[in-house]
N, C-alpha and C. Protein backbone atom coordinates (compact mmCIF):
# COMPACT_ATOMS: atom_id res chain seq x y z
N MET A 1 -6.71 -9.83 -17.20
CA MET A 1 -6.43 -8.47 -17.65
C MET A 1 -5.72 -8.54 -19.00
N SER A 2 -6.16 -7.80 -19.98
CA SER A 2 -5.57 -7.84 -21.31
C SER A 2 -4.24 -7.12 -21.32
N GLU A 3 -3.44 -7.36 -22.42
CA GLU A 3 -2.13 -6.75 -22.52
C GLU A 3 -2.21 -5.25 -22.62
N SER A 4 -3.32 -4.69 -23.10
CA SER A 4 -3.46 -3.24 -23.29
C SER A 4 -3.87 -2.53 -22.03
N GLU A 5 -4.23 -3.31 -20.98
CA GLU A 5 -4.67 -2.69 -19.74
C GLU A 5 -3.51 -2.55 -18.77
N SER A 6 -3.55 -1.49 -17.93
CA SER A 6 -2.55 -1.29 -16.90
C SER A 6 -3.23 -1.31 -15.56
N PRO A 7 -2.57 -1.83 -14.50
CA PRO A 7 -3.17 -1.79 -13.17
C PRO A 7 -3.50 -0.36 -12.79
N SER A 8 -4.61 -0.18 -12.07
CA SER A 8 -5.07 1.17 -11.74
C SER A 8 -4.11 1.92 -10.85
N ASP A 9 -3.25 1.20 -10.10
CA ASP A 9 -2.36 1.89 -9.18
C ASP A 9 -0.96 2.09 -9.76
N GLU A 10 -0.82 1.92 -11.08
CA GLU A 10 0.46 2.13 -11.70
C GLU A 10 0.36 3.27 -12.71
N THR A 11 1.45 4.03 -12.85
CA THR A 11 1.51 5.11 -13.82
C THR A 11 1.71 4.53 -15.21
N PRO A 12 1.02 5.02 -16.25
CA PRO A 12 1.24 4.53 -17.61
C PRO A 12 2.71 4.63 -17.98
N VAL A 13 3.14 3.72 -18.87
CA VAL A 13 4.55 3.65 -19.23
C VAL A 13 5.06 4.96 -19.80
N THR A 14 4.25 5.63 -20.64
CA THR A 14 4.70 6.88 -21.25
C THR A 14 4.96 7.95 -20.21
N GLU A 15 4.12 8.00 -19.17
CA GLU A 15 4.31 8.98 -18.11
C GLU A 15 5.56 8.65 -17.31
N PHE A 16 5.77 7.35 -17.06
CA PHE A 16 6.93 6.91 -16.29
C PHE A 16 8.22 7.26 -17.03
N VAL A 17 8.24 6.97 -18.35
CA VAL A 17 9.43 7.26 -19.14
C VAL A 17 9.69 8.76 -19.17
N GLY A 18 8.61 9.55 -19.30
CA GLY A 18 8.77 11.00 -19.30
C GLY A 18 9.38 11.51 -18.02
N SER A 19 8.94 10.95 -16.89
CA SER A 19 9.48 11.36 -15.60
C SER A 19 10.95 11.04 -15.50
N TRP A 20 11.33 9.84 -15.95
CA TRP A 20 12.74 9.46 -15.87
C TRP A 20 13.58 10.24 -16.85
N SER A 21 12.98 10.65 -17.96
CA SER A 21 13.71 11.52 -18.89
C SER A 21 14.04 12.85 -18.23
N ASP A 22 13.05 13.39 -17.51
CA ASP A 22 13.29 14.64 -16.78
C ASP A 22 14.38 14.44 -15.74
N ALA A 23 14.33 13.30 -15.04
CA ALA A 23 15.34 13.02 -14.02
C ALA A 23 16.73 12.98 -14.63
N SER A 24 16.83 12.36 -15.80
CA SER A 24 18.14 12.27 -16.45
C SER A 24 18.67 13.64 -16.84
N LYS A 25 17.76 14.52 -17.28
CA LYS A 25 18.19 15.87 -17.65
C LYS A 25 18.71 16.61 -16.43
N HIS A 26 18.02 16.46 -15.28
CA HIS A 26 18.46 17.12 -14.06
C HIS A 26 19.84 16.61 -13.64
N VAL A 27 20.03 15.29 -13.73
CA VAL A 27 21.32 14.70 -13.33
C VAL A 27 22.42 15.18 -14.27
N LEU A 28 22.14 15.23 -15.58
CA LEU A 28 23.13 15.70 -16.54
C LEU A 28 23.52 17.13 -16.24
N ASN A 29 22.52 17.97 -15.98
CA ASN A 29 22.81 19.36 -15.65
C ASN A 29 23.67 19.46 -14.39
N SER A 30 23.39 18.60 -13.41
CA SER A 30 24.18 18.60 -12.18
C SER A 30 25.62 18.22 -12.47
N TYR A 31 25.83 17.22 -13.35
CA TYR A 31 27.18 16.82 -13.70
C TYR A 31 27.92 17.95 -14.41
N VAL A 32 27.22 18.63 -15.32
CA VAL A 32 27.85 19.73 -16.05
C VAL A 32 28.30 20.82 -15.10
N GLU A 33 27.41 21.19 -14.17
CA GLU A 33 27.77 22.24 -13.21
C GLU A 33 28.90 21.78 -12.31
N ALA A 34 28.88 20.51 -11.91
CA ALA A 34 29.95 19.99 -11.05
C ALA A 34 31.29 20.03 -11.77
N ASN A 35 31.29 19.65 -13.04
CA ASN A 35 32.53 19.68 -13.81
C ASN A 35 33.05 21.09 -13.96
N LYS A 36 32.15 22.05 -14.18
CA LYS A 36 32.57 23.44 -14.28
C LYS A 36 33.20 23.91 -12.98
N ALA A 37 32.59 23.48 -11.87
CA ALA A 37 33.11 23.88 -10.56
C ALA A 37 34.50 23.30 -10.32
N ILE A 38 34.70 22.03 -10.74
CA ILE A 38 36.01 21.40 -10.57
C ILE A 38 37.07 22.13 -11.40
N LEU A 39 36.72 22.45 -12.65
CA LEU A 39 37.65 23.19 -13.50
C LEU A 39 37.99 24.54 -12.90
N ALA A 40 36.94 25.21 -12.39
CA ALA A 40 37.16 26.52 -11.81
C ALA A 40 38.06 26.44 -10.59
N SER A 41 37.88 25.37 -9.78
CA SER A 41 38.70 25.23 -8.58
C SER A 41 40.18 25.04 -8.90
N MET A 42 40.46 24.57 -10.13
CA MET A 42 41.84 24.38 -10.54
C MET A 42 42.35 25.57 -11.34
N GLY A 43 41.50 26.61 -11.48
CA GLY A 43 41.91 27.79 -12.21
C GLY A 43 41.90 27.61 -13.71
N LEU A 44 41.09 26.63 -14.18
CA LEU A 44 41.02 26.34 -15.61
C LEU A 44 39.69 26.79 -16.18
N SER A 45 39.68 27.06 -17.47
CA SER A 45 38.44 27.45 -18.13
C SER A 45 37.75 26.22 -18.66
N GLY A 46 36.52 26.38 -19.14
CA GLY A 46 35.81 25.30 -19.81
C GLY A 46 36.38 25.11 -21.20
N THR A 47 35.77 24.21 -21.96
CA THR A 47 36.30 23.89 -23.28
C THR A 47 35.71 24.77 -24.36
N GLU A 48 34.63 25.48 -24.06
CA GLU A 48 33.97 26.28 -25.07
C GLU A 48 34.62 27.64 -25.17
N GLU A 49 34.70 28.16 -26.40
CA GLU A 49 35.30 29.46 -26.61
C GLU A 49 34.49 30.53 -25.87
N GLY A 50 35.18 31.41 -25.19
CA GLY A 50 34.49 32.47 -24.48
C GLY A 50 34.20 32.15 -23.04
N ASP A 51 34.45 30.89 -22.60
CA ASP A 51 34.26 30.55 -21.20
C ASP A 51 35.20 31.38 -20.34
N GLN A 52 34.71 31.85 -19.23
CA GLN A 52 35.49 32.71 -18.37
C GLN A 52 36.27 31.89 -17.35
N ILE A 53 37.52 32.26 -17.11
CA ILE A 53 38.33 31.57 -16.11
C ILE A 53 37.99 32.12 -14.74
N GLU A 54 37.58 31.23 -13.85
CA GLU A 54 37.24 31.62 -12.49
C GLU A 54 38.42 31.37 -11.58
N PRO A 55 38.57 32.16 -10.52
CA PRO A 55 39.67 31.93 -9.59
C PRO A 55 39.49 30.61 -8.87
N PRO A 56 40.59 29.97 -8.44
CA PRO A 56 40.48 28.69 -7.73
C PRO A 56 39.84 28.87 -6.37
N VAL A 57 39.21 27.79 -5.87
CA VAL A 57 38.65 27.80 -4.53
C VAL A 57 39.81 27.84 -3.53
N THR A 58 39.79 28.78 -2.61
CA THR A 58 40.91 28.96 -1.70
C THR A 58 40.65 28.37 -0.33
N GLU A 59 39.43 27.93 -0.04
CA GLU A 59 39.15 27.31 1.24
C GLU A 59 38.00 26.32 1.09
N LEU A 60 37.88 25.40 2.05
CA LEU A 60 36.87 24.35 1.96
C LEU A 60 35.51 24.82 2.45
N THR A 61 35.46 25.86 3.30
CA THR A 61 34.19 26.29 3.88
C THR A 61 33.49 27.25 2.93
N TYR A 62 33.29 26.80 1.71
CA TYR A 62 32.63 27.65 0.73
C TYR A 62 31.12 27.45 0.80
N GLY A 63 30.39 28.32 0.09
CA GLY A 63 28.94 28.22 0.09
C GLY A 63 28.38 28.47 -1.30
N SER A 64 27.08 28.59 -1.37
CA SER A 64 26.40 28.84 -2.63
C SER A 64 25.20 29.73 -2.34
N VAL A 65 24.49 30.10 -3.38
CA VAL A 65 23.34 30.99 -3.22
C VAL A 65 22.30 30.35 -2.31
N GLY A 66 21.87 31.09 -1.30
CA GLY A 66 20.85 30.58 -0.39
C GLY A 66 21.40 29.85 0.81
N TRP A 67 22.72 29.63 0.84
CA TRP A 67 23.32 28.97 1.98
C TRP A 67 23.70 30.01 3.04
N SER A 68 23.57 29.64 4.30
CA SER A 68 24.04 30.51 5.37
C SER A 68 24.43 29.65 6.57
N MET A 69 25.30 30.21 7.41
CA MET A 69 25.81 29.49 8.56
C MET A 69 25.94 30.44 9.73
N ASP A 70 25.66 29.93 10.92
CA ASP A 70 25.86 30.70 12.14
C ASP A 70 26.41 29.75 13.20
N ARG A 71 27.41 30.20 13.94
CA ARG A 71 27.94 29.38 15.03
C ARG A 71 28.32 30.29 16.18
N SER A 72 28.30 29.71 17.37
CA SER A 72 28.47 30.52 18.58
C SER A 72 29.93 30.80 18.91
N VAL A 73 30.85 29.98 18.43
CA VAL A 73 32.28 30.18 18.69
C VAL A 73 33.06 29.98 17.41
N GLU A 74 34.27 30.52 17.40
CA GLU A 74 35.09 30.47 16.19
C GLU A 74 36.32 29.59 16.33
N THR A 75 36.62 29.13 17.52
CA THR A 75 37.80 28.28 17.70
C THR A 75 37.42 26.98 18.39
N ARG A 76 38.19 25.95 18.11
CA ARG A 76 37.96 24.62 18.68
C ARG A 76 38.10 24.66 20.20
N GLU A 77 39.02 25.48 20.71
CA GLU A 77 39.26 25.55 22.14
C GLU A 77 38.07 26.09 22.91
N GLU A 78 37.18 26.82 22.25
CA GLU A 78 36.01 27.41 22.90
C GLU A 78 34.83 26.46 22.98
N LEU A 79 34.91 25.33 22.32
CA LEU A 79 33.78 24.41 22.29
C LEU A 79 33.46 23.87 23.69
N GLY A 80 32.16 23.81 23.98
CA GLY A 80 31.70 23.30 25.26
C GLY A 80 30.19 23.24 25.27
N VAL A 81 29.63 22.80 26.36
CA VAL A 81 28.17 22.67 26.49
C VAL A 81 27.51 24.02 26.21
N GLY A 82 26.49 23.99 25.38
CA GLY A 82 25.75 25.20 25.03
C GLY A 82 26.16 25.83 23.73
N GLU A 83 27.36 25.49 23.23
CA GLU A 83 27.78 26.06 21.94
C GLU A 83 27.04 25.34 20.81
N TYR A 84 26.84 26.07 19.71
CA TYR A 84 25.98 25.53 18.65
C TYR A 84 26.49 25.95 17.28
N VAL A 85 25.93 25.31 16.27
CA VAL A 85 26.13 25.68 14.88
C VAL A 85 24.82 25.47 14.14
N GLU A 86 24.52 26.36 13.20
CA GLU A 86 23.34 26.25 12.35
C GLU A 86 23.75 26.37 10.89
N PHE A 87 23.09 25.60 10.05
CA PHE A 87 23.33 25.66 8.61
C PHE A 87 21.98 25.68 7.90
N THR A 88 21.81 26.65 7.00
CA THR A 88 20.54 26.81 6.28
C THR A 88 20.78 26.68 4.78
N LYS A 89 19.89 25.95 4.13
CA LYS A 89 20.03 25.72 2.69
C LYS A 89 18.68 25.35 2.08
N PRO A 90 18.36 25.85 0.89
CA PRO A 90 17.18 25.35 0.19
C PRO A 90 17.49 23.98 -0.41
N LEU A 91 16.52 23.07 -0.38
CA LEU A 91 16.68 21.78 -1.04
C LEU A 91 15.85 21.80 -2.32
N THR A 92 16.54 21.86 -3.44
CA THR A 92 15.92 22.08 -4.74
C THR A 92 15.61 20.79 -5.47
N ASP A 93 14.90 20.92 -6.56
CA ASP A 93 14.59 19.77 -7.40
C ASP A 93 15.88 19.15 -7.94
N ALA A 94 16.84 20.00 -8.30
CA ALA A 94 18.13 19.49 -8.79
C ALA A 94 18.85 18.70 -7.70
N ASP A 95 18.76 19.16 -6.43
CA ASP A 95 19.36 18.42 -5.32
C ASP A 95 18.77 17.02 -5.22
N VAL A 96 17.45 16.95 -5.33
CA VAL A 96 16.75 15.66 -5.19
C VAL A 96 17.17 14.69 -6.30
N HIS A 97 17.22 15.17 -7.54
CA HIS A 97 17.61 14.29 -8.64
C HIS A 97 19.08 13.89 -8.53
N ALA A 98 19.94 14.81 -8.13
CA ALA A 98 21.35 14.48 -7.97
C ALA A 98 21.55 13.45 -6.86
N PHE A 99 20.78 13.59 -5.76
CA PHE A 99 20.89 12.64 -4.66
C PHE A 99 20.38 11.27 -5.08
N ALA A 100 19.30 11.24 -5.86
CA ALA A 100 18.78 9.95 -6.35
C ALA A 100 19.83 9.23 -7.18
N GLN A 101 20.54 9.97 -8.01
CA GLN A 101 21.58 9.37 -8.84
C GLN A 101 22.77 8.92 -7.99
N ALA A 102 23.18 9.77 -7.05
CA ALA A 102 24.36 9.45 -6.24
C ALA A 102 24.11 8.29 -5.29
N SER A 103 22.92 8.23 -4.71
CA SER A 103 22.62 7.23 -3.70
C SER A 103 22.00 5.95 -4.27
N GLY A 104 21.35 6.08 -5.43
CA GLY A 104 20.61 4.95 -5.98
C GLY A 104 19.19 4.86 -5.46
N ASP A 105 18.79 5.81 -4.60
CA ASP A 105 17.41 5.82 -4.07
C ASP A 105 16.50 6.49 -5.08
N THR A 106 15.91 5.67 -5.96
CA THR A 106 15.06 6.19 -7.03
C THR A 106 13.58 5.96 -6.74
N ASN A 107 13.23 6.00 -5.47
CA ASN A 107 11.81 5.89 -5.08
C ASN A 107 11.01 6.94 -5.85
N ARG A 108 9.95 6.51 -6.51
CA ARG A 108 9.16 7.41 -7.34
C ARG A 108 8.48 8.51 -6.52
N LEU A 109 8.39 8.32 -5.23
CA LEU A 109 7.81 9.35 -4.36
C LEU A 109 8.62 10.64 -4.44
N HIS A 110 9.90 10.52 -4.78
CA HIS A 110 10.77 11.68 -4.87
C HIS A 110 10.94 12.21 -6.29
N LEU A 111 10.58 11.40 -7.30
CA LEU A 111 10.93 11.73 -8.68
C LEU A 111 9.76 11.83 -9.64
N ASP A 112 8.64 11.22 -9.31
CA ASP A 112 7.52 11.13 -10.25
C ASP A 112 6.34 11.94 -9.72
N ASP A 113 6.05 13.06 -10.39
CA ASP A 113 4.99 13.97 -9.94
C ASP A 113 3.63 13.28 -9.82
N GLN A 114 3.24 12.57 -10.87
CA GLN A 114 1.90 11.96 -10.88
C GLN A 114 1.79 10.84 -9.86
N TYR A 115 2.83 10.08 -9.71
CA TYR A 115 2.83 9.01 -8.71
C TYR A 115 2.73 9.61 -7.31
N ALA A 116 3.56 10.62 -7.02
CA ALA A 116 3.57 11.24 -5.69
C ALA A 116 2.27 11.96 -5.37
N ALA A 117 1.59 12.46 -6.40
CA ALA A 117 0.33 13.17 -6.19
C ALA A 117 -0.73 12.25 -5.60
N ARG A 118 -0.60 10.94 -5.80
CA ARG A 118 -1.57 9.98 -5.28
C ARG A 118 -1.16 9.43 -3.91
N SER A 119 -0.03 9.93 -3.39
CA SER A 119 0.43 9.48 -2.08
C SER A 119 -0.19 10.32 -0.97
N ARG A 120 0.07 9.96 0.26
CA ARG A 120 -0.45 10.70 1.41
C ARG A 120 0.07 12.13 1.46
N PHE A 121 1.20 12.41 0.75
CA PHE A 121 1.80 13.73 0.79
C PHE A 121 1.25 14.66 -0.28
N GLY A 122 0.67 14.10 -1.33
CA GLY A 122 0.06 14.90 -2.38
C GLY A 122 1.05 15.53 -3.34
N ASP A 123 2.34 15.30 -3.13
CA ASP A 123 3.36 15.89 -3.99
C ASP A 123 4.67 15.17 -3.72
N ARG A 124 5.65 15.40 -4.58
CA ARG A 124 6.97 14.82 -4.35
C ARG A 124 7.60 15.43 -3.10
N ILE A 125 8.38 14.64 -2.40
CA ILE A 125 9.06 15.11 -1.20
C ILE A 125 10.56 14.81 -1.31
N VAL A 126 11.34 15.49 -0.48
CA VAL A 126 12.79 15.30 -0.45
C VAL A 126 13.11 13.99 0.26
N HIS A 127 14.13 13.29 -0.20
CA HIS A 127 14.60 12.09 0.51
C HIS A 127 14.90 12.44 1.97
N GLY A 128 14.43 11.60 2.89
CA GLY A 128 14.70 11.86 4.30
C GLY A 128 16.18 11.90 4.62
N THR A 129 16.96 11.03 3.95
CA THR A 129 18.39 11.00 4.20
C THR A 129 19.07 12.27 3.71
N LEU A 130 18.55 12.84 2.63
CA LEU A 130 19.08 14.11 2.13
C LEU A 130 18.80 15.23 3.12
N VAL A 131 17.61 15.24 3.70
CA VAL A 131 17.29 16.23 4.74
C VAL A 131 18.24 16.05 5.92
N GLY A 132 18.44 14.79 6.34
CA GLY A 132 19.34 14.51 7.43
C GLY A 132 20.77 14.92 7.13
N GLY A 133 21.12 14.96 5.85
CA GLY A 133 22.46 15.37 5.46
C GLY A 133 22.78 16.80 5.84
N LEU A 134 21.75 17.62 6.04
CA LEU A 134 21.99 18.99 6.48
C LEU A 134 22.62 19.03 7.86
N ILE A 135 22.31 18.01 8.68
CA ILE A 135 22.94 17.92 10.00
C ILE A 135 24.44 17.71 9.84
N SER A 136 24.81 16.82 8.93
CA SER A 136 26.23 16.60 8.66
C SER A 136 26.88 17.89 8.17
N ALA A 137 26.16 18.63 7.31
CA ALA A 137 26.69 19.89 6.79
C ALA A 137 26.90 20.90 7.92
N ALA A 138 25.98 20.92 8.87
CA ALA A 138 26.13 21.84 10.01
C ALA A 138 27.32 21.43 10.86
N LEU A 139 27.44 20.15 11.18
CA LEU A 139 28.54 19.68 12.03
C LEU A 139 29.89 19.95 11.38
N ALA A 140 29.94 19.88 10.05
CA ALA A 140 31.19 20.13 9.35
C ALA A 140 31.64 21.58 9.49
N ARG A 141 30.72 22.44 9.91
CA ARG A 141 31.04 23.86 10.07
C ARG A 141 31.39 24.25 11.51
N LEU A 142 31.47 23.26 12.39
CA LEU A 142 32.04 23.53 13.70
C LEU A 142 33.53 23.80 13.55
N PRO A 143 34.12 24.63 14.41
CA PRO A 143 35.56 24.85 14.30
C PRO A 143 36.34 23.57 14.62
N GLY A 144 37.28 23.23 13.76
CA GLY A 144 38.01 21.99 13.90
C GLY A 144 37.62 21.00 12.82
N LEU A 145 38.14 19.80 12.89
CA LEU A 145 37.83 18.74 11.93
C LEU A 145 36.87 17.77 12.58
N THR A 146 35.60 17.81 12.15
CA THR A 146 34.54 17.01 12.78
C THR A 146 34.49 15.61 12.17
N ILE A 147 34.47 14.59 13.04
CA ILE A 147 34.38 13.19 12.62
C ILE A 147 33.17 12.57 13.30
N TYR A 148 32.23 12.06 12.50
CA TYR A 148 31.03 11.41 13.03
C TYR A 148 31.40 10.13 13.78
N LEU A 149 30.80 9.92 14.94
CA LEU A 149 30.93 8.66 15.66
C LEU A 149 29.60 7.92 15.71
N SER A 150 28.50 8.65 15.90
CA SER A 150 27.18 8.02 15.89
C SER A 150 26.12 9.08 15.68
N GLU A 151 24.93 8.61 15.29
CA GLU A 151 23.80 9.51 15.06
C GLU A 151 22.50 8.75 15.25
N SER A 152 21.51 9.40 15.83
CA SER A 152 20.18 8.84 15.99
C SER A 152 19.17 9.89 15.59
N LEU A 153 18.30 9.55 14.62
CA LEU A 153 17.36 10.53 14.09
C LEU A 153 15.93 10.00 14.14
N GLU A 154 14.99 10.90 14.38
CA GLU A 154 13.56 10.60 14.29
C GLU A 154 12.96 11.54 13.26
N PHE A 155 12.33 10.95 12.25
CA PHE A 155 11.73 11.76 11.18
C PHE A 155 10.29 12.09 11.55
N LYS A 156 10.02 13.37 11.68
CA LYS A 156 8.72 13.82 12.17
C LYS A 156 7.80 14.37 11.09
N GLY A 157 8.34 14.71 9.94
CA GLY A 157 7.50 15.24 8.88
C GLY A 157 8.29 15.35 7.59
N PRO A 158 7.59 15.44 6.44
CA PRO A 158 8.28 15.50 5.15
C PRO A 158 8.79 16.90 4.84
N ALA A 159 9.82 16.95 4.02
CA ALA A 159 10.31 18.22 3.49
C ALA A 159 9.87 18.31 2.03
N MET A 160 9.18 19.39 1.71
CA MET A 160 8.74 19.57 0.34
C MET A 160 9.87 20.14 -0.49
N ILE A 161 9.91 19.78 -1.76
CA ILE A 161 10.96 20.25 -2.65
C ILE A 161 10.88 21.76 -2.78
N GLY A 162 12.02 22.41 -2.62
CA GLY A 162 12.08 23.87 -2.66
C GLY A 162 12.07 24.50 -1.27
N SER A 163 11.89 23.67 -0.24
CA SER A 163 11.87 24.19 1.13
C SER A 163 13.24 24.72 1.52
N VAL A 164 13.23 25.77 2.33
CA VAL A 164 14.46 26.27 2.93
C VAL A 164 14.53 25.69 4.34
N LEU A 165 15.55 24.88 4.59
CA LEU A 165 15.64 24.14 5.85
C LEU A 165 16.88 24.56 6.64
N THR A 166 16.76 24.45 7.96
CA THR A 166 17.86 24.79 8.84
C THR A 166 18.18 23.62 9.76
N ALA A 167 19.44 23.22 9.77
CA ALA A 167 19.92 22.21 10.71
C ALA A 167 20.62 22.94 11.86
N ARG A 168 20.28 22.55 13.08
CA ARG A 168 20.92 23.15 14.26
C ARG A 168 21.47 22.03 15.14
N CYS A 169 22.72 22.17 15.52
CA CYS A 169 23.38 21.20 16.40
C CYS A 169 23.94 21.96 17.61
N GLU A 170 23.61 21.47 18.80
CA GLU A 170 24.06 22.13 20.02
C GLU A 170 24.69 21.11 20.95
N ILE A 171 25.86 21.44 21.48
CA ILE A 171 26.57 20.55 22.39
C ILE A 171 25.82 20.46 23.72
N VAL A 172 25.51 19.24 24.12
CA VAL A 172 24.80 19.05 25.40
C VAL A 172 25.65 18.28 26.41
N GLU A 173 26.77 17.70 25.93
CA GLU A 173 27.63 16.97 26.85
C GLU A 173 29.04 16.90 26.29
N ASP A 174 30.02 17.22 27.16
CA ASP A 174 31.43 17.06 26.82
C ASP A 174 31.85 15.68 27.32
N LEU A 175 32.15 14.77 26.39
CA LEU A 175 32.47 13.39 26.72
C LEU A 175 33.95 13.17 27.00
N GLY A 176 34.74 14.22 26.88
CA GLY A 176 36.16 14.10 27.08
C GLY A 176 36.89 13.63 25.84
N GLU A 177 38.20 13.88 25.79
CA GLU A 177 39.04 13.47 24.67
C GLU A 177 38.51 14.02 23.34
N ASN A 178 38.01 15.26 23.39
CA ASN A 178 37.52 15.97 22.20
C ASN A 178 36.27 15.34 21.59
N LYS A 179 35.52 14.60 22.40
CA LYS A 179 34.27 14.01 21.95
C LYS A 179 33.10 14.77 22.57
N TYR A 180 32.03 14.94 21.79
CA TYR A 180 30.88 15.71 22.26
C TYR A 180 29.58 15.03 21.81
N ARG A 181 28.58 15.15 22.65
CA ARG A 181 27.22 14.74 22.28
C ARG A 181 26.42 15.99 22.00
N LEU A 182 25.69 15.99 20.90
CA LEU A 182 24.94 17.17 20.48
C LEU A 182 23.50 16.80 20.14
N THR A 183 22.58 17.74 20.38
CA THR A 183 21.26 17.61 19.80
C THR A 183 21.40 17.93 18.32
N ALA A 184 20.56 17.35 17.50
CA ALA A 184 20.64 17.54 16.05
C ALA A 184 19.23 17.57 15.49
N ASN A 185 18.80 18.71 14.97
CA ASN A 185 17.46 18.77 14.40
C ASN A 185 17.44 19.61 13.13
N VAL A 186 16.39 19.40 12.37
CA VAL A 186 16.17 20.15 11.13
C VAL A 186 14.77 20.72 11.17
N THR A 187 14.64 22.01 10.89
CA THR A 187 13.35 22.68 10.85
C THR A 187 13.15 23.36 9.50
N ASN A 188 11.88 23.60 9.17
CA ASN A 188 11.60 24.35 7.94
C ASN A 188 11.44 25.83 8.26
N ALA A 189 11.12 26.62 7.24
CA ALA A 189 11.04 28.07 7.41
C ALA A 189 9.93 28.48 8.36
N ASP A 190 8.95 27.61 8.56
CA ASP A 190 7.84 27.89 9.49
C ASP A 190 8.17 27.48 10.92
N GLY A 191 9.36 26.94 11.12
CA GLY A 191 9.77 26.51 12.44
C GLY A 191 9.32 25.11 12.81
N ARG A 192 8.74 24.38 11.86
CA ARG A 192 8.28 23.02 12.13
C ARG A 192 9.47 22.07 12.13
N THR A 193 9.56 21.22 13.15
CA THR A 193 10.65 20.25 13.24
C THR A 193 10.38 19.07 12.32
N LEU A 194 11.31 18.83 11.40
CA LEU A 194 11.20 17.70 10.47
C LEU A 194 12.03 16.51 10.93
N ILE A 195 13.15 16.80 11.57
CA ILE A 195 14.01 15.75 12.10
C ILE A 195 14.45 16.16 13.50
N ASP A 196 14.40 15.21 14.42
CA ASP A 196 14.85 15.44 15.79
C ASP A 196 15.78 14.30 16.16
N GLY A 197 16.93 14.61 16.71
CA GLY A 197 17.85 13.53 17.04
C GLY A 197 19.06 14.03 17.79
N GLU A 198 20.10 13.20 17.79
CA GLU A 198 21.35 13.58 18.44
C GLU A 198 22.50 12.91 17.73
N ALA A 199 23.69 13.45 17.95
CA ALA A 199 24.89 12.92 17.32
C ALA A 199 26.04 12.96 18.31
N VAL A 200 26.98 12.07 18.11
CA VAL A 200 28.23 12.09 18.88
C VAL A 200 29.36 12.26 17.87
N VAL A 201 30.22 13.25 18.12
CA VAL A 201 31.30 13.54 17.19
C VAL A 201 32.63 13.65 17.93
N LEU A 202 33.68 13.47 17.18
CA LEU A 202 35.04 13.73 17.62
C LEU A 202 35.53 14.93 16.84
N ILE A 203 36.10 15.90 17.50
CA ILE A 203 36.55 17.11 16.81
C ILE A 203 38.06 17.24 16.99
N ASP A 204 38.79 16.91 15.94
CA ASP A 204 40.25 17.01 15.93
C ASP A 204 40.69 18.41 15.54
N GLU A 205 42.00 18.66 15.73
CA GLU A 205 42.57 19.87 15.19
C GLU A 205 42.58 19.79 13.67
N MET A 206 42.45 20.95 13.02
CA MET A 206 42.53 20.96 11.57
C MET A 206 43.93 20.61 11.11
N PRO A 207 44.08 19.77 10.08
CA PRO A 207 45.41 19.47 9.57
C PRO A 207 46.09 20.73 9.04
N GLU A 208 47.39 20.73 9.06
CA GLU A 208 48.16 21.87 8.53
C GLU A 208 47.90 22.01 7.03
């Protein structure tokens, strides 16, 4: 094979560089927004003239556009078999690029349009671990301080970028000493199960 030829199953270098350039822009934008949020949480403005001072974050259970939560009880003392929590969030292109940067999982299936188009999925998909992270987000919204002890997940289908996904966790067994076993699954807007599994958590009282 000559130096000017590329293997048929590889993306040309220019396309690959272009994709990573886009990824870098997404990550940079994510950092900028994160820094603005940190400044806002401290009651500080940005560095540019005319930036508006936002009030500080007053609680940890905050949300963003498109996020929603539902739970069956509001106090830790009410937790028991049958109680549940749900968390819904869209997983955006910016989420995928930020997760790739944070985790180091730069599989081109998640980042390169042309590469992913030739895969069995026909398009880029969300990292499975990022989808599974919605379960952690749901558990964090149970009343009390949730601490993971174990988790077992089965991935049943891909999540497409831009999908609105819901994680639902329901207590199926009280293990005693504030420990619980829960079902843990993630579904898309059509009700299709993408992840099916279970988790064991310890739920402490919230610190003062």
